[in-house]
């Protein structure tokens, strides 16, 4: 029931978890797609809090932010997270670049895009790490490892 960016940032920080934003498609379908597999895999990591920017979940409109699982939230209002410093932002289908999203690490699942879409993202986001043509479970492993590696580097 929180709807102010500073309150959301405070609650996210209080969770003590690393925070990953997934920018997938605007509709979460019943038939599991690649980006949904990545989201589900990330949300299984107990040390991550996963925020997904989407508009529809199983034919129901997402309004504001909704808790979907223990560590999984969906939102149709990316502006509500403008005060959150994400540990990682993962592009998995969305072609929109949001100026209010803040992170040091940006990744893109190359198999979620056509070449032209991928090139467009690469020109708009200078620090975008491209994840090669690997399976969804490998993408999840890589993302989890990299977000936790950043934690270890910053605490040393």
N, C-alpha and C. Protein backbone atom coordinates (compact mmCIF):
# COMPACT_ATOMS: atom_id res chain seq x y z
N UNK A 1 0.81 -1.20 0.00
CA UNK A 1 0.00 0.00 0.00
C UNK A 1 0.86 1.27 0.00
N UNK A 2 2.14 1.12 -0.29
CA UNK A 2 3.04 2.27 -0.35
C UNK A 2 3.03 2.82 -1.77
N UNK A 3 2.90 4.15 -1.90
CA UNK A 3 2.83 4.71 -3.25
C UNK A 3 3.71 5.95 -3.44
N UNK A 4 4.70 6.13 -2.58
CA UNK A 4 5.65 7.23 -2.71
C UNK A 4 7.05 6.66 -2.95
N UNK A 5 7.77 7.19 -3.95
CA UNK A 5 9.09 6.65 -4.28
C UNK A 5 10.06 6.57 -3.10
N UNK A 6 10.07 7.58 -2.22
CA UNK A 6 11.00 7.53 -1.09
C UNK A 6 10.62 6.43 -0.09
N UNK A 7 9.33 6.20 0.10
CA UNK A 7 8.87 5.13 0.99
C UNK A 7 9.21 3.76 0.40
N UNK A 8 9.02 3.62 -0.91
CA UNK A 8 9.35 2.36 -1.56
C UNK A 8 10.84 2.09 -1.46
N UNK A 9 11.66 3.10 -1.71
CA UNK A 9 13.11 2.94 -1.60
C UNK A 9 13.51 2.53 -0.19
N UNK A 10 12.88 3.12 0.80
CA UNK A 10 13.17 2.78 2.19
C UNK A 10 12.82 1.33 2.50
N UNK A 11 11.67 0.89 2.05
CA UNK A 11 11.26 -0.51 2.28
C UNK A 11 12.15 -1.50 1.55
N UNK A 12 12.54 -1.14 0.34
CA UNK A 12 13.44 -2.01 -0.43
C UNK A 12 14.76 -2.14 0.31
N UNK A 13 15.29 -1.03 0.80
CA UNK A 13 16.56 -1.04 1.53
C UNK A 13 16.44 -1.86 2.82
N UNK A 14 15.31 -1.73 3.52
CA UNK A 14 15.08 -2.46 4.75
C UNK A 14 15.03 -3.97 4.54
N UNK A 15 14.72 -4.40 3.31
CA UNK A 15 14.64 -5.84 3.04
C UNK A 15 16.00 -6.51 3.21
N UNK A 16 17.07 -5.74 3.03
CA UNK A 16 18.42 -6.30 3.16
C UNK A 16 18.82 -7.19 2.00
N UNK A 17 18.03 -7.20 0.96
CA UNK A 17 18.30 -8.06 -0.19
C UNK A 17 18.84 -7.23 -1.35
N UNK A 18 19.53 -7.90 -2.26
CA UNK A 18 19.93 -7.28 -3.51
C UNK A 18 18.68 -7.15 -4.37
N UNK A 19 18.58 -6.06 -5.13
CA UNK A 19 17.36 -5.79 -5.87
C UNK A 19 17.63 -5.80 -7.37
N UNK A 20 16.84 -6.62 -8.07
CA UNK A 20 16.96 -6.77 -9.51
C UNK A 20 15.66 -6.30 -10.15
N UNK A 21 15.80 -5.46 -11.16
CA UNK A 21 14.64 -5.02 -11.94
C UNK A 21 14.67 -5.75 -13.27
N UNK A 22 13.57 -6.38 -13.63
CA UNK A 22 13.45 -7.07 -14.91
C UNK A 22 12.48 -6.29 -15.79
N UNK A 23 12.96 -5.92 -16.96
CA UNK A 23 12.15 -5.21 -17.95
C UNK A 23 11.82 -6.19 -19.06
N UNK A 24 10.69 -6.85 -18.90
CA UNK A 24 10.25 -7.85 -19.88
C UNK A 24 9.18 -7.28 -20.77
N UNK A 25 8.28 -8.13 -21.16
CA UNK A 25 7.14 -7.69 -21.98
C UNK A 25 6.05 -7.15 -21.07
N UNK A 26 5.07 -6.50 -21.64
CA UNK A 26 4.03 -5.87 -20.82
C UNK A 26 2.94 -6.83 -20.40
N UNK A 27 2.96 -8.06 -20.92
CA UNK A 27 1.94 -9.05 -20.57
C UNK A 27 2.61 -10.34 -20.10
N UNK A 28 2.25 -10.77 -18.87
CA UNK A 28 2.70 -12.05 -18.32
C UNK A 28 1.66 -13.07 -18.72
N UNK A 29 2.05 -13.99 -19.60
CA UNK A 29 1.10 -14.94 -20.17
C UNK A 29 1.07 -16.25 -19.40
N UNK A 30 0.03 -17.03 -19.64
CA UNK A 30 -0.08 -18.35 -19.03
C UNK A 30 1.00 -19.28 -19.56
N UNK A 31 1.22 -19.25 -20.87
CA UNK A 31 2.29 -20.07 -21.45
C UNK A 31 3.62 -19.40 -21.14
N UNK A 32 4.44 -20.07 -20.37
CA UNK A 32 5.70 -19.49 -19.90
C UNK A 32 6.64 -19.17 -21.06
N UNK A 33 7.05 -17.93 -21.14
CA UNK A 33 8.00 -17.48 -22.15
C UNK A 33 9.37 -17.37 -21.50
N UNK A 34 10.37 -17.18 -22.34
CA UNK A 34 11.75 -17.13 -21.86
C UNK A 34 11.94 -16.10 -20.74
N UNK A 35 11.45 -14.89 -20.93
CA UNK A 35 11.66 -13.86 -19.92
C UNK A 35 10.98 -14.23 -18.60
N UNK A 36 9.85 -14.94 -18.68
CA UNK A 36 9.16 -15.38 -17.48
C UNK A 36 9.97 -16.46 -16.76
N UNK A 37 10.63 -17.32 -17.51
CA UNK A 37 11.49 -18.34 -16.91
C UNK A 37 12.65 -17.67 -16.17
N UNK A 38 13.19 -16.61 -16.75
CA UNK A 38 14.29 -15.88 -16.10
C UNK A 38 13.79 -15.25 -14.80
N UNK A 39 12.63 -14.61 -14.84
CA UNK A 39 12.05 -14.01 -13.64
C UNK A 39 11.84 -15.07 -12.56
N UNK A 40 11.23 -16.18 -12.93
CA UNK A 40 10.98 -17.24 -11.95
C UNK A 40 12.27 -17.77 -11.34
N UNK A 41 13.28 -17.94 -12.18
CA UNK A 41 14.57 -18.40 -11.68
C UNK A 41 15.21 -17.42 -10.72
N UNK A 42 15.17 -16.14 -11.05
CA UNK A 42 15.74 -15.11 -10.17
C UNK A 42 15.00 -15.06 -8.84
N UNK A 43 13.68 -15.20 -8.88
CA UNK A 43 12.89 -15.09 -7.65
C UNK A 43 13.10 -16.28 -6.71
N UNK A 44 13.74 -17.34 -7.19
CA UNK A 44 14.05 -18.47 -6.31
C UNK A 44 15.26 -18.20 -5.43
N UNK A 45 16.07 -17.21 -5.77
CA UNK A 45 17.24 -16.85 -4.97
C UNK A 45 16.77 -16.09 -3.74
N UNK A 46 16.98 -16.65 -2.56
CA UNK A 46 16.49 -16.06 -1.32
C UNK A 46 17.14 -14.73 -0.98
N UNK A 47 18.26 -14.41 -1.63
CA UNK A 47 18.97 -13.17 -1.34
C UNK A 47 18.62 -12.05 -2.30
N UNK A 48 17.67 -12.31 -3.20
CA UNK A 48 17.26 -11.31 -4.18
C UNK A 48 15.82 -10.88 -3.97
N UNK A 49 15.58 -9.62 -4.26
CA UNK A 49 14.24 -9.08 -4.36
C UNK A 49 14.07 -8.73 -5.83
N UNK A 50 13.06 -9.29 -6.48
CA UNK A 50 12.88 -9.12 -7.93
C UNK A 50 11.65 -8.26 -8.19
N UNK A 51 11.87 -7.18 -8.93
CA UNK A 51 10.80 -6.28 -9.34
C UNK A 51 10.65 -6.44 -10.85
N UNK A 52 9.43 -6.65 -11.32
CA UNK A 52 9.17 -6.83 -12.74
C UNK A 52 8.26 -5.71 -13.21
N UNK A 53 8.70 -5.04 -14.26
CA UNK A 53 7.87 -4.00 -14.86
C UNK A 53 7.02 -4.65 -15.94
N UNK A 54 5.73 -4.75 -15.67
CA UNK A 54 4.79 -5.36 -16.61
C UNK A 54 3.41 -4.75 -16.36
N UNK A 55 2.48 -4.98 -17.25
CA UNK A 55 1.16 -4.35 -17.12
C UNK A 55 0.02 -5.33 -16.86
N UNK A 56 0.20 -6.57 -17.30
CA UNK A 56 -0.88 -7.56 -17.18
C UNK A 56 -0.30 -8.87 -16.65
N UNK A 57 -0.98 -9.44 -15.67
CA UNK A 57 -0.56 -10.72 -15.09
C UNK A 57 -1.75 -11.68 -15.17
N UNK A 58 -1.62 -12.70 -16.02
CA UNK A 58 -2.71 -13.67 -16.23
C UNK A 58 -4.05 -12.98 -16.46
N UNK A 59 -4.07 -12.06 -17.40
CA UNK A 59 -5.26 -11.33 -17.83
C UNK A 59 -5.77 -10.31 -16.82
N UNK A 60 -5.03 -10.08 -15.72
CA UNK A 60 -5.42 -9.08 -14.73
C UNK A 60 -4.47 -7.89 -14.82
N UNK A 61 -5.04 -6.69 -14.88
CA UNK A 61 -4.21 -5.50 -14.94
C UNK A 61 -3.44 -5.31 -13.64
N UNK A 62 -2.19 -4.95 -13.76
CA UNK A 62 -1.38 -4.58 -12.60
C UNK A 62 -1.57 -3.08 -12.41
N UNK A 63 -1.94 -2.68 -11.22
CA UNK A 63 -2.11 -1.27 -10.90
C UNK A 63 -1.23 -0.97 -9.69
N UNK A 64 -0.23 -0.12 -9.89
CA UNK A 64 0.71 0.17 -8.80
C UNK A 64 1.71 -0.96 -8.68
N UNK A 65 1.89 -1.46 -7.47
CA UNK A 65 2.83 -2.55 -7.22
C UNK A 65 2.08 -3.67 -6.51
N UNK A 66 2.30 -4.89 -6.97
CA UNK A 66 1.62 -6.05 -6.40
C UNK A 66 2.63 -7.13 -6.05
N UNK A 67 2.46 -7.70 -4.87
CA UNK A 67 3.30 -8.83 -4.44
C UNK A 67 2.78 -10.08 -5.12
N UNK A 68 3.67 -10.76 -5.86
CA UNK A 68 3.29 -11.97 -6.59
C UNK A 68 3.81 -13.21 -5.87
N UNK A 69 4.94 -13.09 -5.21
CA UNK A 69 5.55 -14.21 -4.48
C UNK A 69 6.37 -13.65 -3.33
N UNK A 70 7.05 -14.54 -2.58
CA UNK A 70 7.79 -14.09 -1.39
C UNK A 70 8.82 -13.00 -1.68
N UNK A 71 9.45 -13.05 -2.83
CA UNK A 71 10.49 -12.08 -3.19
C UNK A 71 10.25 -11.50 -4.57
N UNK A 72 9.00 -11.53 -5.02
CA UNK A 72 8.66 -11.13 -6.38
C UNK A 72 7.52 -10.12 -6.37
N UNK A 73 7.78 -8.96 -7.02
CA UNK A 73 6.78 -7.90 -7.12
C UNK A 73 6.63 -7.48 -8.57
N UNK A 74 5.41 -7.17 -8.97
CA UNK A 74 5.13 -6.64 -10.30
C UNK A 74 4.66 -5.20 -10.15
N UNK A 75 5.02 -4.38 -11.12
CA UNK A 75 4.57 -3.00 -11.12
C UNK A 75 4.31 -2.53 -12.54
N UNK A 76 3.35 -1.66 -12.68
CA UNK A 76 3.14 -0.98 -13.96
C UNK A 76 3.58 0.47 -13.84
N UNK A 77 4.17 0.81 -12.69
CA UNK A 77 4.58 2.19 -12.41
C UNK A 77 6.07 2.22 -12.07
N UNK A 78 6.88 2.27 -13.09
CA UNK A 78 8.32 2.31 -12.89
C UNK A 78 8.73 3.58 -12.14
N UNK A 79 7.94 4.64 -12.27
CA UNK A 79 8.24 5.89 -11.58
C UNK A 79 8.22 5.74 -10.06
N UNK A 80 7.46 4.77 -9.54
CA UNK A 80 7.43 4.53 -8.10
C UNK A 80 8.78 4.04 -7.57
N UNK A 81 9.64 3.56 -8.46
CA UNK A 81 10.95 3.02 -8.07
C UNK A 81 12.09 3.97 -8.43
N UNK A 82 11.76 5.23 -8.67
CA UNK A 82 12.77 6.21 -9.09
C UNK A 82 13.82 6.49 -8.02
N UNK A 83 13.51 6.22 -6.76
CA UNK A 83 14.47 6.44 -5.67
C UNK A 83 15.24 5.18 -5.31
N UNK A 84 14.92 4.06 -5.95
CA UNK A 84 15.59 2.79 -5.67
C UNK A 84 16.87 2.71 -6.49
N UNK A 85 17.95 2.30 -5.85
CA UNK A 85 19.21 2.03 -6.55
C UNK A 85 19.25 0.51 -6.75
N UNK A 86 18.96 0.07 -7.99
CA UNK A 86 18.92 -1.36 -8.28
C UNK A 86 20.34 -1.91 -8.35
N UNK A 87 20.49 -3.13 -7.89
CA UNK A 87 21.79 -3.79 -8.00
C UNK A 87 22.02 -4.28 -9.41
N UNK A 88 20.92 -4.53 -10.11
CA UNK A 88 21.02 -4.98 -11.50
C UNK A 88 19.70 -4.71 -12.21
N UNK A 89 19.80 -4.28 -13.47
CA UNK A 89 18.63 -4.12 -14.33
C UNK A 89 18.82 -5.07 -15.50
N UNK A 90 17.79 -5.88 -15.75
CA UNK A 90 17.87 -6.90 -16.79
C UNK A 90 16.81 -6.64 -17.85
N UNK A 91 17.26 -6.44 -19.07
CA UNK A 91 16.35 -6.28 -20.21
C UNK A 91 16.05 -7.64 -20.79
N UNK A 92 14.76 -7.99 -20.81
CA UNK A 92 14.33 -9.31 -21.30
C UNK A 92 13.12 -9.16 -22.22
N UNK A 93 13.14 -8.19 -23.09
CA UNK A 93 12.03 -8.03 -24.02
C UNK A 93 11.59 -6.59 -24.19
N UNK A 94 11.69 -5.80 -23.14
CA UNK A 94 11.30 -4.40 -23.24
C UNK A 94 12.33 -3.64 -24.07
N UNK A 95 11.84 -2.74 -24.89
CA UNK A 95 12.74 -1.90 -25.68
C UNK A 95 12.75 -0.46 -25.14
N UNK A 96 12.03 -0.23 -24.06
CA UNK A 96 11.96 1.11 -23.48
C UNK A 96 13.12 1.33 -22.52
N UNK A 97 13.74 2.49 -22.63
CA UNK A 97 14.79 2.88 -21.70
C UNK A 97 14.18 3.92 -20.77
N UNK A 98 14.25 3.66 -19.47
CA UNK A 98 13.61 4.51 -18.47
C UNK A 98 14.67 5.36 -17.76
N UNK A 99 14.58 6.65 -17.92
CA UNK A 99 15.58 7.55 -17.34
C UNK A 99 15.53 7.55 -15.81
N UNK A 100 14.42 7.17 -15.22
CA UNK A 100 14.30 7.17 -13.77
C UNK A 100 14.81 5.89 -13.11
N UNK A 101 15.31 4.94 -13.90
CA UNK A 101 15.86 3.69 -13.38
C UNK A 101 17.35 3.88 -13.15
N UNK A 102 17.80 3.55 -11.93
CA UNK A 102 19.20 3.77 -11.56
C UNK A 102 19.88 2.47 -11.15
N UNK A 103 20.97 2.17 -11.82
CA UNK A 103 21.77 0.99 -11.50
C UNK A 103 23.16 1.18 -12.10
N UNK A 104 24.13 0.49 -11.52
CA UNK A 104 25.47 0.48 -12.08
C UNK A 104 25.56 -0.63 -13.13
N UNK A 105 24.77 -1.68 -12.96
CA UNK A 105 24.85 -2.86 -13.82
C UNK A 105 23.57 -3.05 -14.62
N UNK A 106 23.73 -3.07 -15.94
CA UNK A 106 22.63 -3.30 -16.87
C UNK A 106 22.99 -4.50 -17.75
N UNK A 107 22.09 -5.45 -17.84
CA UNK A 107 22.30 -6.64 -18.68
C UNK A 107 21.15 -6.78 -19.65
N UNK A 108 21.42 -7.45 -20.76
CA UNK A 108 20.37 -7.72 -21.73
C UNK A 108 20.47 -9.18 -22.16
N UNK A 109 19.34 -9.86 -22.16
CA UNK A 109 19.26 -11.23 -22.66
C UNK A 109 19.13 -11.15 -24.17
N UNK A 110 20.19 -11.47 -24.88
CA UNK A 110 20.21 -11.28 -26.34
C UNK A 110 19.14 -12.10 -27.06
N UNK A 111 18.75 -13.22 -26.50
CA UNK A 111 17.74 -14.06 -27.16
C UNK A 111 16.31 -13.50 -27.01
N UNK A 112 16.16 -12.45 -26.24
CA UNK A 112 14.85 -11.82 -26.08
C UNK A 112 14.60 -10.73 -27.11
N UNK A 113 15.57 -10.53 -28.02
CA UNK A 113 15.48 -9.42 -28.97
C UNK A 113 15.87 -9.83 -30.38
N UNK A 114 15.31 -9.09 -31.33
CA UNK A 114 15.79 -9.15 -32.71
C UNK A 114 17.05 -8.29 -32.76
N UNK A 115 17.88 -8.51 -33.76
CA UNK A 115 19.15 -7.80 -33.86
C UNK A 115 18.99 -6.28 -33.83
N UNK A 116 18.01 -5.76 -34.55
CA UNK A 116 17.79 -4.32 -34.59
C UNK A 116 17.40 -3.76 -33.21
N UNK A 117 16.55 -4.50 -32.50
CA UNK A 117 16.15 -4.07 -31.15
C UNK A 117 17.36 -4.07 -30.21
N UNK A 118 18.17 -5.11 -30.30
CA UNK A 118 19.35 -5.22 -29.45
C UNK A 118 20.32 -4.08 -29.74
N UNK A 119 20.56 -3.80 -31.01
CA UNK A 119 21.45 -2.71 -31.38
C UNK A 119 20.93 -1.37 -30.89
N UNK A 120 19.63 -1.18 -30.93
CA UNK A 120 19.04 0.06 -30.43
C UNK A 120 19.30 0.23 -28.93
N UNK A 121 19.10 -0.84 -28.18
CA UNK A 121 19.39 -0.78 -26.74
C UNK A 121 20.86 -0.49 -26.48
N UNK A 122 21.73 -1.13 -27.25
CA UNK A 122 23.17 -0.93 -27.08
C UNK A 122 23.59 0.51 -27.33
N UNK A 123 22.93 1.18 -28.24
CA UNK A 123 23.28 2.58 -28.51
C UNK A 123 22.72 3.52 -27.44
N UNK A 124 21.65 3.10 -26.76
CA UNK A 124 21.03 3.95 -25.74
C UNK A 124 21.62 3.78 -24.34
N UNK A 125 22.15 2.58 -24.07
CA UNK A 125 22.68 2.28 -22.73
C UNK A 125 24.14 1.90 -22.89
N UNK A 126 25.02 2.77 -22.46
CA UNK A 126 26.45 2.57 -22.71
C UNK A 126 27.05 1.39 -21.95
N UNK A 127 26.57 1.12 -20.77
CA UNK A 127 27.16 0.05 -19.94
C UNK A 127 26.36 -1.25 -19.99
N UNK A 128 25.76 -1.54 -21.09
CA UNK A 128 24.89 -2.71 -21.22
C UNK A 128 25.71 -3.96 -21.51
N UNK A 129 25.64 -4.93 -20.60
CA UNK A 129 26.33 -6.20 -20.79
C UNK A 129 25.39 -7.16 -21.53
N UNK A 130 25.84 -7.68 -22.65
CA UNK A 130 25.04 -8.59 -23.46
C UNK A 130 25.29 -10.02 -23.00
N UNK A 131 24.22 -10.70 -22.62
CA UNK A 131 24.31 -12.10 -22.26
C UNK A 131 24.13 -12.90 -23.54
N UNK A 132 25.09 -13.75 -23.84
CA UNK A 132 25.12 -14.49 -25.09
C UNK A 132 23.95 -15.43 -25.28
N UNK A 133 24.05 -16.19 -26.30
CA UNK A 133 22.98 -17.10 -26.70
C UNK A 133 23.04 -18.36 -25.83
N UNK A 134 22.56 -18.21 -24.61
CA UNK A 134 22.58 -19.31 -23.64
C UNK A 134 21.17 -19.57 -23.14
N UNK A 135 20.97 -20.71 -22.52
CA UNK A 135 19.66 -21.09 -22.01
C UNK A 135 19.21 -20.19 -20.86
N UNK A 136 17.92 -20.18 -20.60
CA UNK A 136 17.34 -19.34 -19.54
C UNK A 136 17.95 -19.66 -18.18
N UNK A 137 18.15 -20.92 -17.87
CA UNK A 137 18.73 -21.28 -16.57
C UNK A 137 20.16 -20.80 -16.45
N UNK A 138 20.90 -20.79 -17.56
CA UNK A 138 22.27 -20.25 -17.54
C UNK A 138 22.25 -18.74 -17.35
N UNK A 139 21.29 -18.07 -17.95
CA UNK A 139 21.14 -16.63 -17.76
C UNK A 139 20.90 -16.34 -16.28
N UNK A 140 20.00 -17.10 -15.66
CA UNK A 140 19.69 -16.92 -14.23
C UNK A 140 20.95 -17.12 -13.39
N UNK A 141 21.69 -18.19 -13.66
CA UNK A 141 22.92 -18.47 -12.91
C UNK A 141 23.91 -17.32 -13.05
N UNK A 142 24.07 -16.85 -14.27
CA UNK A 142 24.99 -15.74 -14.51
C UNK A 142 24.55 -14.48 -13.76
N UNK A 143 23.28 -14.14 -13.85
CA UNK A 143 22.78 -12.94 -13.20
C UNK A 143 22.92 -13.02 -11.68
N UNK A 144 22.57 -14.17 -11.11
CA UNK A 144 22.70 -14.35 -9.66
C UNK A 144 24.16 -14.25 -9.24
N UNK A 145 25.03 -14.89 -9.98
CA UNK A 145 26.46 -14.85 -9.66
C UNK A 145 27.00 -13.43 -9.74
N UNK A 146 26.62 -12.71 -10.78
CA UNK A 146 27.17 -11.37 -10.96
C UNK A 146 26.65 -10.39 -9.91
N UNK A 147 25.38 -10.49 -9.53
CA UNK A 147 24.86 -9.58 -8.52
C UNK A 147 25.48 -9.88 -7.15
N UNK A 148 25.73 -11.14 -6.86
CA UNK A 148 26.35 -11.49 -5.58
C UNK A 148 27.85 -11.19 -5.60
N UNK A 149 28.49 -11.29 -6.74
CA UNK A 149 29.92 -10.94 -6.86
C UNK A 149 30.13 -9.46 -6.59
N UNK A 150 29.22 -8.63 -7.05
CA UNK A 150 29.30 -7.19 -6.81
C UNK A 150 29.22 -6.95 -5.31
N UNK A 151 28.38 -7.70 -4.61
CA UNK A 151 28.24 -7.57 -3.16
C UNK A 151 29.57 -7.85 -2.49
N UNK A 152 30.20 -8.95 -2.90
CA UNK A 152 31.47 -9.34 -2.27
C UNK A 152 32.55 -8.31 -2.55
N UNK A 153 32.58 -7.74 -3.76
CA UNK A 153 33.59 -6.75 -4.11
C UNK A 153 33.40 -5.47 -3.31
N UNK A 154 32.16 -5.08 -3.05
CA UNK A 154 31.92 -3.83 -2.34
C UNK A 154 32.08 -3.97 -0.84
N UNK A 155 32.05 -5.20 -0.31
CA UNK A 155 32.21 -5.39 1.12
C UNK A 155 33.64 -5.73 1.50
N UNK A 156 34.50 -5.98 0.51
CA UNK A 156 35.92 -6.28 0.80
C UNK A 156 36.68 -5.03 1.18
